[in-house]
Amino acid sequence: MMGIRQRPTVSPDEKLIPPSNHGVKLMSMGFLLDGDSPVIWRGPMIMKTIQQFLLQVEWGELDFLLIDLPPGTGDAQLSLCQTAPLDGGVIVTTPQEASLGVVRKGIGMFEKVQVPILGIIENMSYFVTPSGERHEIFGHGGGRQEAARQGIPFLGEVPLYTAIREGGDSGVPVVVSAPQEPPGQAFVLISKALLAIESRAG
C-alpha cells in the first residue's frame, strides 16, 4: 500500500533498517516473508516479534510511531501494552453495531492496561456514486455516536472512495497523490484532529 517491496537491510550493529517511501519509515512481517506465506503464530512468538520491531529496528528520530493492530483484544494488543509506554490508542470502527461491539471490548481492554483512548475514527462511512448519490452501505454515524457515549473524541470519518483503494493498490496513497481532494482530505483532517489532541496532552 506504500509502494515498498524490498526487504529491510541490516545495520552494522545488526538492527533492521526500515525501508521508507513518501517520507514514512515502515516495518512489517510482509517485508520478511516469502510471497504469500501466512503468519500462524501463538502468543509468545507475537510478543517476541513486537519486541523486535520496537527495539531491534533502527528507527532513528521519529515524529510519531504508529502501530497498526488487528481488530479485537488478542495477544498483539496485550503484548504491545506490556512492551512499550504508549501515548494512546486510536480506535477504528465501521458504522454498524457488529463492529461497535468489538470496539467496546477494545476500549475496555485499553482502559484496564491504563492506555488512554485518543479518539475514534469511522471507516467506510458512506459511498457516493459518480452521479452524486450517497449510499450508507453499513449505516452511518455509529462511530460518532459511540464516541459521544464513551466521552471520547471523534476524529472523523473516511467514506468509501475508489481513489483510496486505487492509491493502496498502486502504492501511492491519496494523501500523497491528491491531498486536497476529498479522499485525501478525509485523512488530512483526521491527522490534524489527532495532532491537536496530542499537542494538548504533551
Protein backbone atom coordinates (compact mmCIF):
# COMPACT_ATOMS: atom_id res chain seq x y z
CA MET A 1 0.00 0.00 0.00
CA MET A 2 3.03 2.28 0.39
CA GLY A 3 4.85 1.09 -2.71
CA ILE A 4 7.55 -0.85 -0.83
CA ARG A 5 8.51 -4.35 -1.87
CA GLN A 6 12.18 -4.66 -0.89
CA ARG A 7 13.42 -6.42 2.23
CA PRO A 8 14.90 -4.37 5.09
CA THR A 9 18.67 -4.16 5.23
CA VAL A 10 20.74 -4.77 8.37
CA SER A 11 22.91 -2.17 10.10
CA PRO A 12 26.48 -2.85 11.35
CA ASP A 13 25.08 -3.35 14.88
CA GLU A 14 22.62 -5.93 13.50
CA LYS A 15 19.48 -3.87 13.62
CA LEU A 16 16.92 -3.86 10.83
CA ILE A 17 16.90 -0.67 8.78
CA PRO A 18 13.27 0.06 7.88
CA PRO A 19 12.55 0.81 4.23
CA SER A 20 10.84 4.13 3.59
CA ASN A 21 8.66 5.78 0.98
CA HIS A 22 6.73 9.04 0.82
CA GLY A 23 8.71 10.21 3.87
CA VAL A 24 7.45 7.35 6.07
CA LYS A 25 9.55 4.54 7.54
CA LEU A 26 7.79 1.18 7.70
CA MET A 27 8.27 -2.26 9.16
CA SER A 28 6.04 -5.24 8.51
CA MET A 29 6.17 -9.00 8.67
CA GLY A 30 5.25 -8.84 5.00
CA PHE A 31 8.74 -7.49 4.28
CA LEU A 32 10.33 -10.56 5.86
CA LEU A 33 8.22 -13.38 4.40
CA ASP A 34 8.34 -15.02 1.01
CA GLY A 35 5.39 -14.42 -1.30
CA ASP A 36 2.01 -15.16 0.24
CA SER A 37 3.32 -17.15 3.22
CA PRO A 38 0.85 -16.90 6.13
CA VAL A 39 1.81 -15.91 9.66
CA ILE A 40 0.38 -18.53 12.03
CA TRP A 41 1.76 -17.71 15.47
CA ARG A 42 0.79 -18.11 19.08
CA GLY A 43 1.23 -15.56 21.85
CA PRO A 44 4.95 -15.91 22.68
CA MET A 45 6.01 -15.51 19.04
CA ILE A 46 3.74 -12.49 18.58
CA MET A 47 5.21 -10.87 21.69
CA LYS A 48 8.78 -11.56 20.52
CA THR A 49 8.11 -10.00 17.12
CA ILE A 50 6.56 -6.88 18.65
CA GLN A 51 9.59 -6.50 20.91
CA GLN A 52 11.93 -6.93 17.93
CA PHE A 53 10.08 -4.35 15.84
CA LEU A 54 10.22 -1.85 18.69
CA LEU A 55 13.75 -2.47 19.97
CA GLN A 56 15.72 -4.03 17.11
CA VAL A 57 14.74 -1.71 14.27
CA GLU A 58 16.89 1.34 13.51
CA TRP A 59 14.00 3.80 13.68
CA GLY A 60 16.13 6.90 14.17
CA GLU A 61 14.38 10.15 15.04
CA LEU A 62 10.61 9.97 14.58
CA ASP A 63 7.76 12.43 14.89
CA PHE A 64 5.35 9.58 15.70
CA LEU A 65 5.44 5.80 15.77
CA LEU A 66 2.09 4.37 14.65
CA ILE A 67 1.40 0.68 15.17
CA ASP A 68 -1.42 -0.90 13.19
CA LEU A 69 -3.03 -3.71 15.17
CA PRO A 70 -5.59 -6.36 14.15
CA PRO A 71 -9.14 -5.98 15.46
CA GLY A 72 -10.04 -7.27 18.89
CA THR A 73 -8.26 -7.78 22.19
CA GLY A 74 -5.77 -10.52 21.44
CA ASP A 75 -2.11 -11.25 22.08
CA ALA A 76 -0.82 -8.46 19.82
CA GLN A 77 -2.60 -5.72 21.75
CA LEU A 78 -1.65 -7.05 25.17
CA SER A 79 1.96 -7.67 24.15
CA LEU A 80 2.30 -4.13 22.84
CA CYS A 81 0.86 -2.61 26.01
CA GLN A 82 3.30 -4.67 28.09
CA THR A 83 6.32 -3.80 25.94
CA ALA A 84 6.20 -0.03 25.43
CA PRO A 85 4.76 3.07 27.10
CA LEU A 86 2.01 4.23 24.76
CA ASP A 87 0.72 7.77 24.37
CA GLY A 88 -2.65 6.33 23.47
CA GLY A 89 -4.79 4.19 21.23
CA VAL A 90 -6.87 5.19 18.22
CA ILE A 91 -9.96 3.08 17.64
CA VAL A 92 -11.14 2.46 14.06
CA THR A 93 -14.65 1.19 13.50
CA THR A 94 -17.20 0.82 10.76
CA PRO A 95 -20.68 2.25 11.44
CA GLN A 96 -22.63 -0.93 12.14
CA GLU A 97 -23.33 -2.40 15.58
CA ALA A 98 -21.37 -5.60 14.92
CA SER A 99 -18.18 -3.55 14.60
CA LEU A 100 -19.03 -1.30 17.53
CA GLY A 101 -19.35 -4.33 19.79
CA VAL A 102 -15.70 -5.18 19.08
CA VAL A 103 -14.77 -1.55 19.61
CA ARG A 104 -16.27 -1.51 23.10
CA LYS A 105 -14.18 -4.53 24.06
CA GLY A 106 -11.06 -2.85 22.70
CA ILE A 107 -11.76 0.32 24.67
CA GLY A 108 -12.31 -1.76 27.80
CA MET A 109 -9.00 -3.56 27.30
CA PHE A 110 -7.04 -0.33 26.86
CA GLU A 111 -8.68 1.12 29.95
CA LYS A 112 -7.64 -1.91 32.02
CA VAL A 113 -4.00 -1.52 30.99
CA GLN A 114 -4.23 2.26 31.53
CA VAL A 115 -3.70 3.32 27.93
CA PRO A 116 -5.77 6.43 27.09
CA ILE A 117 -8.02 6.39 24.04
CA LEU A 118 -7.15 9.36 21.84
CA GLY A 119 -10.20 9.06 19.65
CA ILE A 120 -12.46 7.06 17.36
CA ILE A 121 -12.42 7.03 13.55
CA GLU A 122 -15.35 5.79 11.48
CA ASN A 123 -14.20 3.98 8.33
CA MET A 124 -16.44 3.10 5.35
CA SER A 125 -18.89 5.77 6.46
CA TYR A 126 -20.74 6.02 3.16
CA PHE A 127 -20.32 5.74 -0.60
CA VAL A 128 -21.03 8.43 -3.18
CA THR A 129 -21.75 7.25 -6.73
CA PRO A 130 -20.28 9.08 -9.74
CA SER A 131 -23.69 10.73 -10.19
CA GLY A 132 -23.51 12.13 -6.65
CA GLU A 133 -25.97 9.75 -4.96
CA ARG A 134 -24.98 8.87 -1.39
CA HIS A 135 -25.36 5.32 -0.06
CA GLU A 136 -24.82 4.47 3.62
CA ILE A 137 -23.94 0.83 2.97
CA PHE A 138 -23.02 -0.03 6.57
CA GLY A 139 -25.24 2.55 8.19
CA HIS A 140 -23.74 5.87 9.25
CA GLY A 141 -22.81 7.72 12.41
CA GLY A 142 -22.18 4.75 14.66
CA GLY A 143 -18.61 5.84 15.34
CA ARG A 144 -19.59 9.38 16.26
CA GLN A 145 -22.41 8.15 18.49
CA GLU A 146 -20.13 5.67 20.27
CA ALA A 147 -17.50 8.36 20.80
CA ALA A 148 -20.14 10.60 22.41
CA ARG A 149 -21.40 7.71 24.56
CA GLN A 150 -17.88 6.91 25.75
CA GLY A 151 -16.81 10.53 26.20
CA ILE A 152 -14.01 10.04 23.64
CA PRO A 153 -13.06 12.48 20.84
CA PHE A 154 -14.46 11.67 17.43
CA LEU A 155 -11.57 12.16 14.99
CA GLY A 156 -13.51 11.93 11.75
CA GLU A 157 -14.89 9.64 9.10
CA VAL A 158 -13.45 8.02 5.97
CA PRO A 159 -16.04 7.38 3.25
CA LEU A 160 -15.68 4.60 0.69
CA TYR A 161 -13.70 6.26 -2.08
CA THR A 162 -12.46 4.35 -5.12
CA ALA A 163 -9.37 6.60 -5.11
CA ILE A 164 -8.33 5.26 -1.68
CA ARG A 165 -8.36 1.69 -2.99
CA GLU A 166 -6.55 2.70 -6.16
CA GLY A 167 -3.89 4.51 -4.14
CA GLY A 168 -3.36 1.46 -1.95
CA ASP A 169 -3.07 -0.82 -4.98
CA SER A 170 -0.58 1.47 -6.74
CA GLY A 171 1.48 2.22 -3.63
CA VAL A 172 0.78 5.97 -3.82
CA PRO A 173 -1.67 6.97 -1.05
CA VAL A 174 -4.24 9.66 -1.78
CA VAL A 175 -2.63 11.98 0.78
CA VAL A 176 0.44 11.94 -1.49
CA SER A 177 -1.18 11.97 -4.93
CA ALA A 178 -4.07 14.37 -4.26
CA PRO A 179 -4.09 15.70 -0.67
CA GLN A 180 -6.57 18.50 -1.45
CA GLU A 181 -9.19 16.22 -2.99
CA PRO A 182 -11.96 14.78 -0.75
CA PRO A 183 -10.38 11.29 -0.36
CA GLY A 184 -7.07 12.80 0.73
CA GLN A 185 -8.75 15.39 2.93
CA ALA A 186 -10.52 12.63 4.88
CA PHE A 187 -7.11 11.52 6.19
CA VAL A 188 -5.63 15.02 6.45
CA LEU A 189 -8.46 16.23 8.70
CA ILE A 190 -8.23 13.14 10.93
CA SER A 191 -4.47 13.62 11.23
CA LYS A 192 -4.93 17.27 12.20
CA ALA A 193 -7.52 16.33 14.84
CA LEU A 194 -5.21 13.70 16.30
CA LEU A 195 -2.23 16.05 16.27
CA ALA A 196 -4.26 18.68 18.12
CA ILE A 197 -5.15 16.15 20.84
CA GLU A 198 -1.52 15.04 21.15
CA SER A 199 -0.34 18.66 21.34
CA ARG A 200 -2.72 19.40 24.21
CA ALA A 201 -1.70 16.20 26.01
CA GLY A 202 2.03 16.80 25.53
